[in-house]
Amino acid sequence: MAKAEAAELKAQSASDAASYERAWRDAGRLWERAAERESDAKRRALYTANAERARSTADEPPAEVVDSGMN
């Protein structure tokens, strides 16, 4: 779980779109691994939801890229 949280922080501070996507996909993978190892059903569901959220965030362009395109 700590590694997945660290990967999310790294993704949020990514400097370009490729790094952003890669970091979010890595966070999703780490959340998925945490879910596989978790025995508590509630936490497993939360970690799985976090994995899905991270993967869907990777599919979206970073906010900075969207904002710079509109200016």
PDB file of N, CA and C in Angstrom:
ATOM      1  N   MET A   1       0.817  -1.178   0.000  1.00  0.00           N
ATOM      2  CA  MET A   1       0.000   0.000   0.000  1.00  0.00           C
ATOM      3  C   MET A   1       0.871   1.255   0.000  1.00  0.00           C
ATOM      4  N   ALA A   2       1.914   1.279   0.786  1.00  0.00           N
ATOM      5  CA  ALA A   2       2.780   2.460   0.842  1.00  0.00           C
ATOM      6  C   ALA A   2       3.447   2.718  -0.504  1.00  0.00           C
ATOM      7  N   LYS A   3       3.841   1.651  -1.195  1.00  0.00           N
ATOM      8  CA  LYS A   3       4.472   1.821  -2.504  1.00  0.00           C
ATOM      9  C   LYS A   3       3.478   2.396  -3.507  1.00  0.00           C
ATOM     10  N   ALA A   4       2.231   1.953  -3.440  1.00  0.00           N
ATOM     11  CA  ALA A   4       1.201   2.457  -4.354  1.00  0.00           C
ATOM     12  C   ALA A   4       0.932   3.935  -4.078  1.00  0.00           C
ATOM     13  N   GLU A   5       0.872   4.315  -2.816  1.00  0.00           N
ATOM     14  CA  GLU A   5       0.667   5.717  -2.468  1.00  0.00           C
ATOM     15  C   GLU A   5       1.836   6.569  -2.943  1.00  0.00           C
ATOM     16  N   ALA A   6       3.043   6.064  -2.796  1.00  0.00           N
ATOM     17  CA  ALA A   6       4.231   6.788  -3.265  1.00  0.00           C
ATOM     18  C   ALA A   6       4.198   6.935  -4.785  1.00  0.00           C
ATOM     19  N   ALA A   7       3.743   5.904  -5.478  1.00  0.00           N
ATOM     20  CA  ALA A   7       3.660   5.971  -6.935  1.00  0.00           C
ATOM     21  C   ALA A   7       2.627   7.005  -7.368  1.00  0.00           C
ATOM     22  N   GLU A   8       1.538   7.136  -6.618  1.00  0.00           N
ATOM     23  CA  GLU A   8       0.540   8.156  -6.938  1.00  0.00           C
ATOM     24  C   GLU A   8       1.122   9.555  -6.758  1.00  0.00           C
ATOM     25  N   LEU A   9       1.887   9.756  -5.703  1.00  0.00           N
ATOM     26  CA  LEU A   9       2.526  11.059  -5.496  1.00  0.00           C
ATOM     27  C   LEU A   9       3.489  11.381  -6.630  1.00  0.00           C
ATOM     28  N   LYS A  10       4.223  10.377  -7.065  1.00  0.00           N
ATOM     29  CA  LYS A  10       5.150  10.556  -8.186  1.00  0.00           C
ATOM     30  C   LYS A  10       4.374  10.911  -9.450  1.00  0.00           C
ATOM     31  N   ALA A  11       3.238  10.258  -9.657  1.00  0.00           N
ATOM     32  CA  ALA A  11       2.423  10.518 -10.843  1.00  0.00           C
ATOM     33  C   ALA A  11       1.884  11.942 -10.835  1.00  0.00           C
ATOM     34  N   GLN A  12       1.488  12.410  -9.668  1.00  0.00           N
ATOM     35  CA  GLN A  12       0.931  13.761  -9.565  1.00  0.00           C
ATOM     36  C   GLN A  12       1.967  14.833  -9.872  1.00  0.00           C
ATOM     37  N   SER A  13       3.230  14.517  -9.677  1.00  0.00           N
ATOM     38  CA  SER A  13       4.273  15.506  -9.927  1.00  0.00           C
ATOM     39  C   SER A  13       5.049  15.232 -11.217  1.00  0.00           C
ATOM     40  N   ALA A  14       4.523  14.373 -12.071  1.00  0.00           N
ATOM     41  CA  ALA A  14       5.203  14.035 -13.327  1.00  0.00           C
ATOM     42  C   ALA A  14       5.351  15.281 -14.204  1.00  0.00           C
ATOM     43  N   SER A  15       6.474  15.369 -14.876  1.00  0.00           N
ATOM     44  CA  SER A  15       6.792  16.567 -15.647  1.00  0.00           C
ATOM     45  C   SER A  15       6.267  16.547 -17.079  1.00  0.00           C
ATOM     46  N   ASP A  16       5.946  15.381 -17.618  1.00  0.00           N
ATOM     47  CA  ASP A  16       5.432  15.319 -18.978  1.00  0.00           C
ATOM     48  C   ASP A  16       4.369  14.229 -19.081  1.00  0.00           C
ATOM     49  N   ALA A  17       3.658  14.212 -20.193  1.00  0.00           N
ATOM     50  CA  ALA A  17       2.526  13.308 -20.359  1.00  0.00           C
ATOM     51  C   ALA A  17       2.935  11.833 -20.306  1.00  0.00           C
ATOM     52  N   ALA A  18       4.068  11.493 -20.894  1.00  0.00           N
ATOM     53  CA  ALA A  18       4.507  10.090 -20.893  1.00  0.00           C
ATOM     54  C   ALA A  18       4.838   9.623 -19.478  1.00  0.00           C
ATOM     55  N   SER A  19       5.526  10.453 -18.725  1.00  0.00           N
ATOM     56  CA  SER A  19       5.859  10.102 -17.337  1.00  0.00           C
ATOM     57  C   SER A  19       4.610   9.998 -16.490  1.00  0.00           C
ATOM     58  N   TYR A  20       3.670  10.907 -16.732  1.00  0.00           N
ATOM     59  CA  TYR A  20       2.392  10.915 -16.023  1.00  0.00           C
ATOM     60  C   TYR A  20       1.659   9.595 -16.229  1.00  0.00           C
ATOM     61  N   GLU A  21       1.512   9.197 -17.488  1.00  0.00           N
ATOM     62  CA  GLU A  21       0.800   7.956 -17.804  1.00  0.00           C
ATOM     63  C   GLU A  21       1.508   6.742 -17.207  1.00  0.00           C
ATOM     64  N   ARG A  22       2.816   6.672 -17.376  1.00  0.00           N
ATOM     65  CA  ARG A  22       3.593   5.540 -16.865  1.00  0.00           C
ATOM     66  C   ARG A  22       3.480   5.433 -15.347  1.00  0.00           C
ATOM     67  N   ALA A  23       3.570   6.565 -14.665  1.00  0.00           N
ATOM     68  CA  ALA A  23       3.511   6.561 -13.202  1.00  0.00           C
ATOM     69  C   ALA A  23       2.134   6.143 -12.705  1.00  0.00           C
ATOM     70  N   TRP A  24       1.071   6.612 -13.362  1.00  0.00           N
ATOM     71  CA  TRP A  24      -0.275   6.199 -12.945  1.00  0.00           C
ATOM     72  C   TRP A  24      -0.508   4.711 -13.210  1.00  0.00           C
ATOM     73  N   ARG A  25       0.007   4.205 -14.330  1.00  0.00           N
ATOM     74  CA  ARG A  25      -0.135   2.774 -14.602  1.00  0.00           C
ATOM     75  C   ARG A  25       0.634   1.948 -13.573  1.00  0.00           C
ATOM     76  N   ASP A  26       1.800   2.432 -13.177  1.00  0.00           N
ATOM     77  CA  ASP A  26       2.575   1.762 -12.142  1.00  0.00           C
ATOM     78  C   ASP A  26       1.816   1.769 -10.819  1.00  0.00           C
ATOM     79  N   ALA A  27       1.206   2.898 -10.487  1.00  0.00           N
ATOM     80  CA  ALA A  27       0.406   2.982  -9.258  1.00  0.00           C
ATOM     81  C   ALA A  27      -0.747   1.987  -9.314  1.00  0.00           C
ATOM     82  N   GLY A  28      -1.401   1.877 -10.462  1.00  0.00           N
ATOM     83  CA  GLY A  28      -2.494   0.919 -10.611  1.00  0.00           C
ATOM     84  C   GLY A  28      -2.031  -0.512 -10.392  1.00  0.00           C
ATOM     85  N   ARG A  29      -0.867  -0.828 -10.947  1.00  0.00           N
ATOM     86  CA  ARG A  29      -0.310  -2.174 -10.778  1.00  0.00           C
ATOM     87  C   ARG A  29       0.009  -2.453  -9.313  1.00  0.00           C
ATOM     88  N   LEU A  30       0.570  -1.446  -8.638  1.00  0.00           N
ATOM     89  CA  LEU A  30       0.908  -1.631  -7.223  1.00  0.00           C
ATOM     90  C   LEU A  30      -0.342  -1.763  -6.353  1.00  0.00           C
ATOM     91  N   TRP A  31      -1.395  -1.002  -6.663  1.00  0.00           N
ATOM     92  CA  TRP A  31      -2.649  -1.166  -5.920  1.00  0.00           C
ATOM     93  C   TRP A  31      -3.228  -2.564  -6.149  1.00  0.00           C
ATOM     94  N   GLU A  32      -3.127  -3.038  -7.389  1.00  0.00           N
ATOM     95  CA  GLU A  32      -3.632  -4.380  -7.708  1.00  0.00           C
ATOM     96  C   GLU A  32      -2.868  -5.436  -6.913  1.00  0.00           C
ATOM     97  N   ARG A  33      -1.561  -5.295  -6.832  1.00  0.00           N
ATOM     98  CA  ARG A  33      -0.750  -6.232  -6.043  1.00  0.00           C
ATOM     99  C   ARG A  33      -1.134  -6.176  -4.569  1.00  0.00           C
ATOM    100  N   ALA A  34      -1.364  -4.971  -4.049  1.00  0.00           N
ATOM    101  CA  ALA A  34      -1.774  -4.824  -2.650  1.00  0.00           C
ATOM    102  C   ALA A  34      -3.118  -5.508  -2.422  1.00  0.00           C
ATOM    103  N   ALA A  35      -4.029  -5.381  -3.378  1.00  0.00           N
ATOM    104  CA  ALA A  35      -5.341  -6.016  -3.255  1.00  0.00           C
ATOM    105  C   ALA A  35      -5.212  -7.537  -3.244  1.00  0.00           C
ATOM    106  N   GLU A  36      -4.330  -8.072  -4.075  1.00  0.00           N
ATOM    107  CA  GLU A  36      -4.146  -9.523  -4.132  1.00  0.00           C
ATOM    108  C   GLU A  36      -3.618 -10.079  -2.816  1.00  0.00           C
ATOM    109  N   ARG A  37      -2.834  -9.286  -2.113  1.00  0.00           N
ATOM    110  CA  ARG A  37      -2.219  -9.748  -0.860  1.00  0.00           C
ATOM    111  C   ARG A  37      -3.094  -9.485   0.360  1.00  0.00           C
ATOM    112  N   GLU A  38      -4.125  -8.655   0.215  1.00  0.00           N
ATOM    113  CA  GLU A  38      -4.960  -8.269   1.352  1.00  0.00           C
ATOM    114  C   GLU A  38      -5.975  -9.361   1.685  1.00  0.00           C
ATOM    115  N   SER A  39      -6.105  -9.668   2.967  1.00  0.00           N
ATOM    116  CA  SER A  39      -7.071 -10.687   3.383  1.00  0.00           C
ATOM    117  C   SER A  39      -8.415 -10.079   3.785  1.00  0.00           C
ATOM    118  N   ASP A  40      -8.423  -8.804   4.189  1.00  0.00           N
ATOM    119  CA  ASP A  40      -9.656  -8.129   4.586  1.00  0.00           C
ATOM    120  C   ASP A  40     -10.433  -7.719   3.332  1.00  0.00           C
ATOM    121  N   ALA A  41     -11.675  -8.156   3.228  1.00  0.00           N
ATOM    122  CA  ALA A  41     -12.479  -7.920   2.025  1.00  0.00           C
ATOM    123  C   ALA A  41     -12.714  -6.433   1.768  1.00  0.00           C
ATOM    124  N   LYS A  42     -12.941  -5.656   2.812  1.00  0.00           N
ATOM    125  CA  LYS A  42     -13.190  -4.225   2.622  1.00  0.00           C
ATOM    126  C   LYS A  42     -11.955  -3.523   2.074  1.00  0.00           C
ATOM    127  N   ARG A  43     -10.806  -3.824   2.636  1.00  0.00           N
ATOM    128  CA  ARG A  43      -9.566  -3.213   2.144  1.00  0.00           C
ATOM    129  C   ARG A  43      -9.243  -3.695   0.738  1.00  0.00           C
ATOM    130  N   ARG A  44      -9.495  -4.965   0.472  1.00  0.00           N
ATOM    131  CA  ARG A  44      -9.246  -5.503  -0.870  1.00  0.00           C
ATOM    132  C   ARG A  44     -10.092  -4.750  -1.903  1.00  0.00           C
ATOM    133  N   ALA A  45     -11.364  -4.507  -1.564  1.00  0.00           N
ATOM    134  CA  ALA A  45     -12.246  -3.769  -2.469  1.00  0.00           C
ATOM    135  C   ALA A  45     -11.752  -2.329  -2.657  1.00  0.00           C
ATOM    136  N   LEU A  46     -11.297  -1.705  -1.584  1.00  0.00           N
ATOM    137  CA  LEU A  46     -10.769  -0.345  -1.666  1.00  0.00           C
ATOM    138  C   LEU A  46      -9.528  -0.295  -2.541  1.00  0.00           C
ATOM    139  N   TYR A  47      -8.615  -1.236  -2.365  1.00  0.00           N
ATOM    140  CA  TYR A  47      -7.386  -1.273  -3.153  1.00  0.00           C
ATOM    141  C   TYR A  47      -7.694  -1.536  -4.627  1.00  0.00           C
ATOM    142  N   THR A  48      -8.673  -2.405  -4.887  1.00  0.00           N
ATOM    143  CA  THR A  48      -9.070  -2.681  -6.265  1.00  0.00           C
ATOM    144  C   THR A  48      -9.661  -1.426  -6.907  1.00  0.00           C
ATOM    145  N   ALA A  49     -10.477  -0.696  -6.151  1.00  0.00           N
ATOM    146  CA  ALA A  49     -11.045   0.555  -6.659  1.00  0.00           C
ATOM    147  C   ALA A  49      -9.940   1.575  -6.927  1.00  0.00           C
ATOM    148  N   ASN A  50      -8.949   1.625  -6.045  1.00  0.00           N
ATOM    149  CA  ASN A  50      -7.814   2.531  -6.253  1.00  0.00           C
ATOM    150  C   ASN A  50      -7.045   2.160  -7.516  1.00  0.00           C
ATOM    151  N   ALA A  51      -6.897   0.868  -7.768  1.00  0.00           N
ATOM    152  CA  ALA A  51      -6.206   0.401  -8.979  1.00  0.00           C
ATOM    153  C   ALA A  51      -6.963   0.838 -10.228  1.00  0.00           C
ATOM    154  N   GLU A  52      -8.277   0.684 -10.213  1.00  0.00           N
ATOM    155  CA  GLU A  52      -9.091   1.084 -11.360  1.00  0.00           C
ATOM    156  C   GLU A  52      -9.031   2.591 -11.574  1.00  0.00           C
ATOM    157  N   ARG A  53      -9.065   3.350 -10.476  1.00  0.00           N
ATOM    158  CA  ARG A  53      -8.990   4.810 -10.565  1.00  0.00           C
ATOM    159  C   ARG A  53      -7.642   5.247 -11.140  1.00  0.00           C
ATOM    160  N   ALA A  54      -6.579   4.608 -10.685  1.00  0.00           N
ATOM    161  CA  ALA A  54      -5.249   4.960 -11.180  1.00  0.00           C
ATOM    162  C   ALA A  54      -5.122   4.653 -12.668  1.00  0.00           C
ATOM    163  N   ARG A  55      -5.646   3.504 -13.088  1.00  0.00           N
ATOM    164  CA  ARG A  55      -5.571   3.162 -14.513  1.00  0.00           C
ATOM    165  C   ARG A  55      -6.409   4.113 -15.365  1.00  0.00           C
ATOM    166  N   SER A  56      -7.580   4.504 -14.874  1.00  0.00           N
ATOM    167  CA  SER A  56      -8.401   5.435 -15.655  1.00  0.00           C
ATOM    168  C   SER A  56      -7.768   6.820 -15.684  1.00  0.00           C
ATOM    169  N   THR A  57      -7.086   7.205 -14.614  1.00  0.00           N
ATOM    170  CA  THR A  57      -6.383   8.491 -14.594  1.00  0.00           C
ATOM    171  C   THR A  57      -5.246   8.480 -15.607  1.00  0.00           C
ATOM    172  N   ALA A  58      -4.604   7.341 -15.782  1.00  0.00           N
ATOM    173  CA  ALA A  58      -3.513   7.233 -16.757  1.00  0.00           C
ATOM    174  C   ALA A  58      -4.010   7.470 -18.179  1.00  0.00           C
ATOM    175  N   ASP A  59      -5.279   7.148 -18.433  1.00  0.00           N
ATOM    176  CA  ASP A  59      -5.843   7.325 -19.766  1.00  0.00           C
ATOM    177  C   ASP A  59      -6.211   8.771 -20.069  1.00  0.00           C
ATOM    178  N   GLU A  60      -6.273   9.616 -19.031  1.00  0.00           N
ATOM    179  CA  GLU A  60      -6.623  11.022 -19.209  1.00  0.00           C
ATOM    180  C   GLU A  60      -5.339  11.853 -19.295  1.00  0.00           C
ATOM    181  N   PRO A  61      -5.357  12.917 -20.104  1.00  0.00           N
ATOM    182  CA  PRO A  61      -4.161  13.764 -20.157  1.00  0.00           C
ATOM    183  C   PRO A  61      -3.994  14.534 -18.844  1.00  0.00           C
ATOM    184  N   PRO A  62      -2.765  14.827 -18.473  1.00  0.00           N
ATOM    185  CA  PRO A  62      -2.546  15.604 -17.246  1.00  0.00           C
ATOM    186  C   PRO A  62      -3.163  16.993 -17.386  1.00  0.00           C
ATOM    187  N   ALA A  63      -3.580  17.565 -16.270  1.00  0.00           N
ATOM    188  CA  ALA A  63      -4.243  18.872 -16.269  1.00  0.00           C
ATOM    189  C   ALA A  63      -3.381  19.958 -16.910  1.00  0.00           C
ATOM    190  N   GLU A  64      -2.080  19.916 -16.696  1.00  0.00           N
ATOM    191  CA  GLU A  64      -1.199  20.943 -17.249  1.00  0.00           C
ATOM    192  C   GLU A  64      -1.233  20.938 -18.773  1.00  0.00           C
ATOM    193  N   VAL A  65      -1.292  19.757 -19.355  1.00  0.00           N
ATOM    194  CA  VAL A  65      -1.318  19.658 -20.819  1.00  0.00           C
ATOM    195  C   VAL A  65      -2.625  20.215 -21.353  1.00  0.00           C
ATOM    196  N   VAL A  66      -3.739  19.905 -20.697  1.00  0.00           N
ATOM    197  CA  VAL A  66      -5.044  20.401 -21.122  1.00  0.00           C
ATOM    198  C   VAL A  66      -5.084  21.916 -20.996  1.00  0.00           C
ATOM    199  N   ASP A  67      -4.617  22.463 -19.871  1.00  0.00           N
ATOM    200  CA  ASP A  67      -4.629  23.909 -19.658  1.00  0.00           C
ATOM    201  C   ASP A  67      -3.746  24.635 -20.656  1.00  0.00           C
ATOM    202  N   SER A  68      -2.567  24.120 -20.938  1.00  0.00           N
ATOM    203  CA  SER A  68      -1.662  24.806 -21.865  1.00  0.00           C
ATOM    204  C   SER A  68      -2.203  24.782 -23.285  1.00  0.00           C
ATOM    205  N   GLY A  69      -2.984  23.774 -23.625  1.00  0.00           N
ATOM    206  CA  GLY A  69      -3.573  23.705 -24.952  1.00  0.00           C
ATOM    207  C   GLY A  69      -4.702  24.702 -25.143  1.00  0.00           C
ATOM    208  N   MET A  70      -5.295  25.139 -24.066  1.00  0.00           N
ATOM    209  CA  MET A  70      -6.421  26.056 -24.153  1.00  0.00           C
ATOM    210  C   MET A  70      -5.972  27.512 -24.150  1.00  0.00           C
ATOM    211  N   ASN A  71      -4.744  27.786 -23.774  1.00  0.00           N
ATOM    212  CA  ASN A  71      -4.278  29.169 -23.687  1.00  0.00           C
ATOM    213  C   ASN A  71      -3.790  29.693 -24.992  1.00  0.00           C
TER     214      ASN A  71
END
